[in-house]
Amino acid sequence: MNKIKCPNCDKELPRNALKDLPSFPFCCNKCKLIDLGQWFDEDYKIESTLNPPIAPAGDDEF
C-alpha cells in the first residue's frame, strides 16, 4: 500500500483513506495551521514581482 507523508510532521498517511482526511495533504488541523503560520511569518515565500513595470511619462500609446 502506498503512503503519503504529511508535509509538516512526516507522519505517514494511508493513500486509500484520503477522503477521510479533511486536512489533506496534512495529517491534522494542527499541522495545517503550523504551515499557515510559516507562510505568515514569511518562512515560506514566492519570489516574484507583483507589479508590472511602469512606462516612463510621455510614452502613451493612445
C-alpha atoms as a PDB file:
ATOM      1  CA  MET A   1       0.000   0.000   0.000  1.00  0.00           C
ATOM      2  CA  ASN A   2       1.365   3.430  -0.963  1.00  0.00           C
ATOM      3  CA  LYS A   3       1.822   6.004   1.750  1.00  0.00           C
ATOM      4  CA  ILE A   4       1.776   9.793   1.636  1.00  0.00           C
ATOM      5  CA  LYS A   5       3.699  11.855   4.186  1.00  0.00           C
ATOM      6  CA  CYS A   6       2.364  14.939   5.941  1.00  0.00           C
ATOM      7  CA  PRO A   7       4.466  17.884   4.678  1.00  0.00           C
ATOM      8  CA  ASN A   8       4.817  19.219   8.225  1.00  0.00           C
ATOM      9  CA  CYS A   9       5.478  16.266  10.540  1.00  0.00           C
ATOM     10  CA  ASP A  10       6.268  13.454   8.054  1.00  0.00           C
ATOM     11  CA  LYS A  11       3.583  11.224   9.536  1.00  0.00           C
ATOM     12  CA  GLU A  12       2.617   8.543   7.023  1.00  0.00           C
ATOM     13  CA  LEU A  13      -0.958   8.678   5.781  1.00  0.00           C
ATOM     14  CA  PRO A  14      -2.619   5.721   4.066  1.00  0.00           C
ATOM     15  CA  ARG A  15      -3.409   6.581   0.442  1.00  0.00           C
ATOM     16  CA  ASN A  16      -6.761   4.784   0.465  1.00  0.00           C
ATOM     17  CA  ALA A  17      -8.086   6.993   3.285  1.00  0.00           C
ATOM     18  CA  LEU A  18      -7.650  10.404   1.630  1.00  0.00           C
ATOM     19  CA  LYS A  19     -11.386  11.032   1.656  1.00  0.00           C
ATOM     20  CA  ASP A  20     -11.236  10.582   5.431  1.00  0.00           C
ATOM     21  CA  LEU A  21      -8.577  13.288   5.830  1.00  0.00           C
ATOM     22  CA  PRO A  22     -10.288  16.708   5.818  1.00  0.00           C
ATOM     23  CA  SER A  23      -6.930  18.485   6.276  1.00  0.00           C
ATOM     24  CA  PHE A  24      -5.218  16.765   3.322  1.00  0.00           C
ATOM     25  CA  PRO A  25      -2.330  16.962   2.482  1.00  0.00           C
ATOM     26  CA  PHE A  26      -1.719  17.471   6.196  1.00  0.00           C
ATOM     27  CA  CYS A  27      -2.456  14.779   8.775  1.00  0.00           C
ATOM     28  CA  CYS A  28      -4.451  17.114  11.038  1.00  0.00           C
ATOM     29  CA  ASN A  29      -5.595  20.693  11.537  1.00  0.00           C
ATOM     30  CA  LYS A  30      -2.631  21.402  13.815  1.00  0.00           C
ATOM     31  CA  CYS A  31      -0.128  20.651  11.026  1.00  0.00           C
ATOM     32  CA  LYS A  32      -2.220  22.692   8.599  1.00  0.00           C
ATOM     33  CA  LEU A  33      -2.153  25.720  10.940  1.00  0.00           C
ATOM     34  CA  ILE A  34       1.582  25.363  11.615  1.00  0.00           C
ATOM     35  CA  ASP A  35       2.183  25.513   7.854  1.00  0.00           C
ATOM     36  CA  LEU A  36      -0.083  28.563   7.516  1.00  0.00           C
ATOM     37  CA  GLY A  37       1.828  30.268  10.338  1.00  0.00           C
ATOM     38  CA  GLN A  38       5.096  29.678   8.490  1.00  0.00           C
ATOM     39  CA  TRP A  39       3.657  31.469   5.453  1.00  0.00           C
ATOM     40  CA  PHE A  40       2.511  34.377   7.668  1.00  0.00           C
ATOM     41  CA  ASP A  41       5.964  34.588   9.291  1.00  0.00           C
ATOM     42  CA  GLU A  42       7.451  34.628   5.758  1.00  0.00           C
ATOM     43  CA  ASP A  43       9.471  31.469   6.383  1.00  0.00           C
ATOM     44  CA  TYR A  44       7.986  30.464   3.020  1.00  0.00           C
ATOM     45  CA  LYS A  45       7.587  32.977   0.230  1.00  0.00           C
ATOM     46  CA  ILE A  46       7.268  33.115  -3.514  1.00  0.00           C
ATOM     47  CA  GLU A  47       9.793  35.455  -5.049  1.00  0.00           C
ATOM     48  CA  SER A  48       8.105  37.397  -7.819  1.00  0.00           C
ATOM     49  CA  THR A  49       7.429  40.930  -8.955  1.00  0.00           C
ATOM     50  CA  LEU A  50       3.743  41.543  -8.402  1.00  0.00           C
ATOM     51  CA  ASN A  51       3.511  44.864 -10.226  1.00  0.00           C
ATOM     52  CA  PRO A  52       4.322  45.207 -13.933  1.00  0.00           C
ATOM     53  CA  PRO A  53       6.954  47.804 -14.812  1.00  0.00           C
ATOM     54  CA  ILE A  54       5.609  51.328 -15.176  1.00  0.00           C
ATOM     55  CA  ALA A  55       6.172  53.043 -18.520  1.00  0.00           C
ATOM     56  CA  PRO A  56       8.013  56.387 -18.310  1.00  0.00           C
ATOM     57  CA  ALA A  57       5.862  59.520 -18.572  1.00  0.00           C
ATOM     58  CA  GLY A  58       5.190  60.686 -22.128  1.00  0.00           C
ATOM     59  CA  ASP A  59       5.198  57.214 -23.683  1.00  0.00           C
ATOM     60  CA  ASP A  60       1.423  56.981 -24.017  1.00  0.00           C
ATOM     61  CA  GLU A  61       0.308  54.756 -26.849  1.00  0.00           C
ATOM     62  CA  PHE A  62      -3.256  56.067 -27.007  1.00  0.00           C
END
